[in-house]
């Protein structure tokens, strides 16, 4: 796994735009989170939204907020709107991506037209980010789950699975919360050490406090913006 998401702005400057682990305290009782069941549950949806936020622990803090809209209709399409504010920086950087298969369309600033092309690595990272089963697995990843206390999220009592994770470029602890009847993810909270948010010196790291939330399941009002045809 590598839940760090990299993006290239239209003028070619690579930016690190966040990490997406979770955070919490592991309990003594081992209980593997049903990652395959989560993947099946999400695959059975036609639409859903995922919100991500990250805050760096340095002062002043770096901040990031992402909104993903996932639509499965004639194939999987995902719209991601990212807002980044590195520590001590001035204005926010806001970027929008729409991916479909290996095709990625991007605009920066968001008032600009989309520019499209094949970008398999970006498409893969965005697709994996919205599905914990993909995000918490992969080459060089070690993850251990333990039973954790339940948490009420949006009125639903969600089962807790704390975990400790080590990946090639990041490590952290977290809690993943699942709706017990549907196996849909509710929330993921984390404290993780990984690459810094936004433009930074190569190799710069920081501790981030992150939260993911999944909601608006099968909401017909969720739409993907129009992008140039192939």
Protein backbone atom coordinates (compact mmCIF):
# COMPACT_ATOMS: atom_id res chain seq x y z
CA UNK A 1 0.00 0.00 0.00
CA UNK A 2 0.95 3.55 -0.51
CA UNK A 3 -1.89 5.91 0.34
CA UNK A 4 0.23 8.95 -0.41
CA UNK A 5 -1.31 10.68 -3.36
CA UNK A 6 0.88 12.52 -5.83
CA UNK A 7 -0.42 14.83 -8.50
CA UNK A 8 1.19 16.77 -11.31
CA UNK A 9 -0.26 20.23 -11.92
CA UNK A 10 -0.76 21.25 -15.55
CA UNK A 11 2.53 23.11 -15.64
CA UNK A 12 4.37 20.03 -14.42
CA UNK A 13 5.17 20.71 -10.75
CA UNK A 14 4.71 17.52 -8.66
CA UNK A 15 2.93 18.00 -5.36
CA UNK A 16 2.46 15.63 -2.46
CA UNK A 17 -1.19 16.02 -1.58
CA UNK A 18 -1.63 13.91 1.50
CA UNK A 19 -1.64 10.58 3.23
CA UNK A 20 -4.66 8.54 4.11
CA UNK A 21 -4.11 6.20 7.01
CA UNK A 22 -6.13 6.16 10.24
CA UNK A 23 -5.41 6.66 13.97
CA UNK A 24 -6.31 5.18 17.36
CA UNK A 25 -5.23 2.79 20.12
CA UNK A 26 -4.95 -0.94 19.48
CA UNK A 27 -6.70 -3.32 21.84
CA UNK A 28 -5.47 -6.72 22.99
CA UNK A 29 -8.07 -8.84 21.18
CA UNK A 30 -7.16 -9.67 17.57
CA UNK A 31 -9.99 -9.42 15.01
CA UNK A 32 -9.16 -8.94 11.32
CA UNK A 33 -11.15 -6.20 9.62
CA UNK A 34 -13.21 -7.69 6.78
CA UNK A 35 -11.36 -5.89 3.98
CA UNK A 36 -12.68 -8.16 1.18
CA UNK A 37 -16.23 -7.61 2.48
CA UNK A 38 -15.67 -3.82 2.41
CA UNK A 39 -14.51 -4.03 -1.21
CA UNK A 40 -17.60 -6.03 -2.17
CA UNK A 41 -19.91 -3.63 -0.34
CA UNK A 42 -18.46 -0.57 -2.07
CA UNK A 43 -18.47 -2.33 -5.44
CA UNK A 44 -22.22 -2.88 -5.03
CA UNK A 45 -22.91 0.86 -4.85
CA UNK A 46 -23.69 3.08 -7.81
CA UNK A 47 -22.53 6.30 -6.10
CA UNK A 48 -21.00 7.54 -2.87
CA UNK A 49 -18.94 10.39 -1.43
CA UNK A 50 -15.72 10.26 0.58
CA UNK A 51 -14.37 13.22 2.58
CA UNK A 52 -10.76 13.42 3.75
CA UNK A 53 -9.06 15.89 6.05
CA UNK A 54 -5.50 16.10 7.33
CA UNK A 55 -3.82 18.45 9.78
CA UNK A 56 -0.09 18.61 10.42
CA UNK A 57 1.07 18.81 14.00
CA UNK A 58 3.72 21.49 13.35
CA UNK A 59 3.04 25.18 13.93
CA UNK A 60 1.46 26.71 11.99
CA UNK A 61 -0.28 23.50 10.91
CA UNK A 62 -0.48 22.33 7.33
CA UNK A 63 -4.03 21.54 6.21
CA UNK A 64 -5.65 19.49 3.47
CA UNK A 65 -9.23 18.69 2.56
CA UNK A 66 -10.34 16.36 -0.24
CA UNK A 67 -13.82 15.55 -1.52
CA UNK A 68 -14.24 12.44 -3.69
CA UNK A 69 -17.39 11.69 -5.69
CA UNK A 70 -17.51 8.10 -6.93
CA UNK A 71 -19.92 7.07 -9.69
CA UNK A 72 -20.14 3.55 -11.10
CA UNK A 73 -22.08 3.80 -14.35
CA UNK A 74 -20.64 2.25 -17.47
CA UNK A 75 -17.38 1.96 -15.55
CA UNK A 76 -15.91 3.60 -12.46
CA UNK A 77 -15.44 7.37 -12.51
CA UNK A 78 -14.13 9.48 -9.63
CA UNK A 79 -13.99 13.25 -9.16
CA UNK A 80 -11.54 14.54 -6.55
CA UNK A 81 -11.34 18.14 -5.38
CA UNK A 82 -8.21 18.81 -3.32
CA UNK A 83 -7.46 21.91 -1.23
CA UNK A 84 -3.96 22.17 0.31
CA UNK A 85 -2.42 24.71 2.65
CA UNK A 86 1.22 23.89 3.57
CA UNK A 87 2.61 25.09 6.89
CA UNK A 88 3.45 28.79 6.76
CA UNK A 89 2.22 29.12 3.15
CA UNK A 90 -0.08 31.85 1.87
CA UNK A 91 -2.95 30.91 -0.44
CA UNK A 92 -4.53 27.49 -0.73
CA UNK A 93 -3.75 25.31 -3.73
CA UNK A 94 -6.96 23.84 -5.17
CA UNK A 95 -6.82 21.12 -7.83
CA UNK A 96 -9.55 18.97 -9.41
CA UNK A 97 -9.09 15.55 -11.02
CA UNK A 98 -11.56 13.30 -12.83
CA UNK A 99 -10.40 9.76 -13.52
CA UNK A 100 -11.96 7.01 -15.62
CA UNK A 101 -9.95 3.84 -16.06
CA UNK A 102 -6.36 4.95 -16.71
CA UNK A 103 -7.49 8.31 -18.14
CA UNK A 104 -7.06 11.33 -15.88
CA UNK A 105 -8.34 14.85 -16.46
CA UNK A 106 -6.98 17.66 -14.32
CA UNK A 107 -7.45 21.38 -13.87
CA UNK A 108 -5.50 23.90 -11.89
CA UNK A 109 -6.84 26.37 -11.03
CA UNK A 110 -10.38 24.99 -10.95
CA UNK A 111 -11.56 27.81 -13.23
CA UNK A 112 -9.30 26.45 -16.00
CA UNK A 113 -10.41 23.86 -18.57
CA UNK A 114 -9.59 20.20 -17.93
CA UNK A 115 -6.47 18.76 -19.57
CA UNK A 116 -6.70 15.00 -20.12
CA UNK A 117 -4.30 12.16 -20.77
CA UNK A 118 -3.33 8.66 -19.66
CA UNK A 119 -1.96 8.66 -16.10
CA UNK A 120 -2.16 5.16 -14.67
CA UNK A 121 -0.37 5.95 -11.40
CA UNK A 122 -2.66 8.89 -10.55
CA UNK A 123 -5.78 6.93 -11.54
CA UNK A 124 -4.67 3.98 -9.41
CA UNK A 125 -3.90 6.11 -6.34
CA UNK A 126 -7.26 7.91 -6.50
CA UNK A 127 -9.16 4.65 -7.02
CA UNK A 128 -7.35 2.99 -4.11
CA UNK A 129 -7.85 5.96 -1.79
CA UNK A 130 -11.64 5.60 -1.63
CA UNK A 131 -11.53 1.86 -0.81
CA UNK A 132 -9.85 0.79 2.47
CA UNK A 133 -9.45 -2.75 1.12
CA UNK A 134 -7.11 -1.39 -1.56
CA UNK A 135 -5.54 1.35 0.54
CA UNK A 136 -4.59 -0.96 3.43
CA UNK A 137 -2.94 -3.61 1.26
CA UNK A 138 -0.22 -3.73 -1.33
CA UNK A 139 3.44 -4.47 -1.90
CA UNK A 140 5.64 -3.87 1.12
CA UNK A 141 2.70 -3.23 3.46
CA UNK A 142 2.35 -4.78 6.91
CA UNK A 143 -0.91 -4.24 8.80
CA UNK A 144 -2.24 -5.76 12.03
CA UNK A 145 -5.86 -5.36 13.10
CA UNK A 146 -7.32 -5.62 16.61
CA UNK A 147 -10.84 -5.26 17.96
CA UNK A 148 -11.66 -1.73 19.13
CA UNK A 149 -14.60 0.05 20.69
CA UNK A 150 -17.59 0.84 18.50
CA UNK A 151 -18.40 4.42 17.52
CA UNK A 152 -21.64 6.07 16.47
CA UNK A 153 -21.20 7.80 13.09
CA UNK A 154 -24.14 9.71 11.58
CA UNK A 155 -26.52 7.80 13.84
CA UNK A 156 -25.08 4.36 12.96
CA UNK A 157 -23.20 2.28 15.54
CA UNK A 158 -20.09 1.22 13.63
CA UNK A 159 -17.75 -1.60 14.70
CA UNK A 160 -14.17 -0.52 15.39
CA UNK A 161 -10.99 -2.15 14.10
CA UNK A 162 -7.76 -0.54 15.29
CA UNK A 163 -4.61 -1.20 13.31
CA UNK A 164 -0.88 -0.62 13.18
CA UNK A 165 0.48 -0.16 9.68
CA UNK A 166 3.94 0.03 8.15
CA UNK A 167 4.40 0.92 4.49
CA UNK A 168 7.51 1.80 2.46
CA UNK A 169 7.01 5.56 2.82
CA UNK A 170 4.79 5.95 5.88
CA UNK A 171 3.72 4.41 9.18
CA UNK A 172 0.97 5.04 11.68
CA UNK A 173 -1.83 3.74 13.86
CA UNK A 174 -5.54 3.97 13.23
CA UNK A 175 -9.10 2.86 13.72
CA UNK A 176 -11.37 1.83 10.87
CA UNK A 177 -15.11 1.86 11.63
CA UNK A 178 -17.57 -0.32 9.68
CA UNK A 179 -21.36 -0.54 9.56
CA UNK A 180 -21.85 -4.14 10.79
CA UNK A 181 -24.82 -5.11 8.62
CA UNK A 182 -23.70 -3.62 5.31
CA UNK A 183 -19.88 -3.82 5.76
CA UNK A 184 -19.70 -0.30 4.37
CA UNK A 185 -16.95 1.88 5.86
CA UNK A 186 -18.14 4.65 8.17
CA UNK A 187 -14.98 6.47 9.19
CA UNK A 188 -11.22 6.09 9.50
CA UNK A 189 -9.23 8.17 12.01
CA UNK A 190 -5.44 8.20 12.15
CA UNK A 191 -2.14 9.57 13.30
CA UNK A 192 0.55 8.92 10.70
CA UNK A 193 4.07 9.95 9.79
CA UNK A 194 4.55 10.50 6.07
CA UNK A 195 5.53 12.99 3.37
CA UNK A 196 4.59 16.61 4.01
CA UNK A 197 1.44 18.20 2.59
CA UNK A 198 1.87 20.40 -0.48
CA UNK A 199 5.11 21.67 -2.04
CA UNK A 200 8.01 20.74 0.24
CA UNK A 201 11.68 19.89 0.25
CA UNK A 202 12.24 16.41 -1.20
CA UNK A 203 12.03 13.83 1.55
CA UNK A 204 10.35 16.16 4.04
CA UNK A 205 8.02 14.36 6.47
CA UNK A 206 5.56 15.37 9.16
CA UNK A 207 3.05 13.86 11.54
CA UNK A 208 -0.52 14.16 10.28
CA UNK A 209 -3.85 13.66 12.03
CA UNK A 210 -6.29 12.40 9.41
CA UNK A 211 -9.96 11.53 9.08
CA UNK A 212 -11.86 9.79 6.27
CA UNK A 213 -15.65 9.57 6.14
CA UNK A 214 -17.89 7.68 3.69
CA UNK A 215 -21.48 8.79 3.14
CA UNK A 216 -24.24 9.65 0.60
CA UNK A 217 -24.46 6.01 -0.48
CA UNK A 218 -26.37 5.65 -3.80
CA UNK A 219 -27.34 9.34 -3.73
CA UNK A 220 -28.59 10.16 -7.27
CA UNK A 221 -27.64 13.82 -6.77
CA UNK A 222 -23.93 12.97 -6.88
CA UNK A 223 -22.52 13.96 -10.28
CA UNK A 224 -19.17 13.93 -12.09
CA UNK A 225 -18.26 17.13 -13.96
CA UNK A 226 -18.05 16.98 -17.74
CA UNK A 227 -14.55 16.53 -19.17
CA UNK A 228 -13.25 16.59 -22.78
CA UNK A 229 -14.05 13.50 -24.83
CA UNK A 230 -11.25 11.11 -25.74
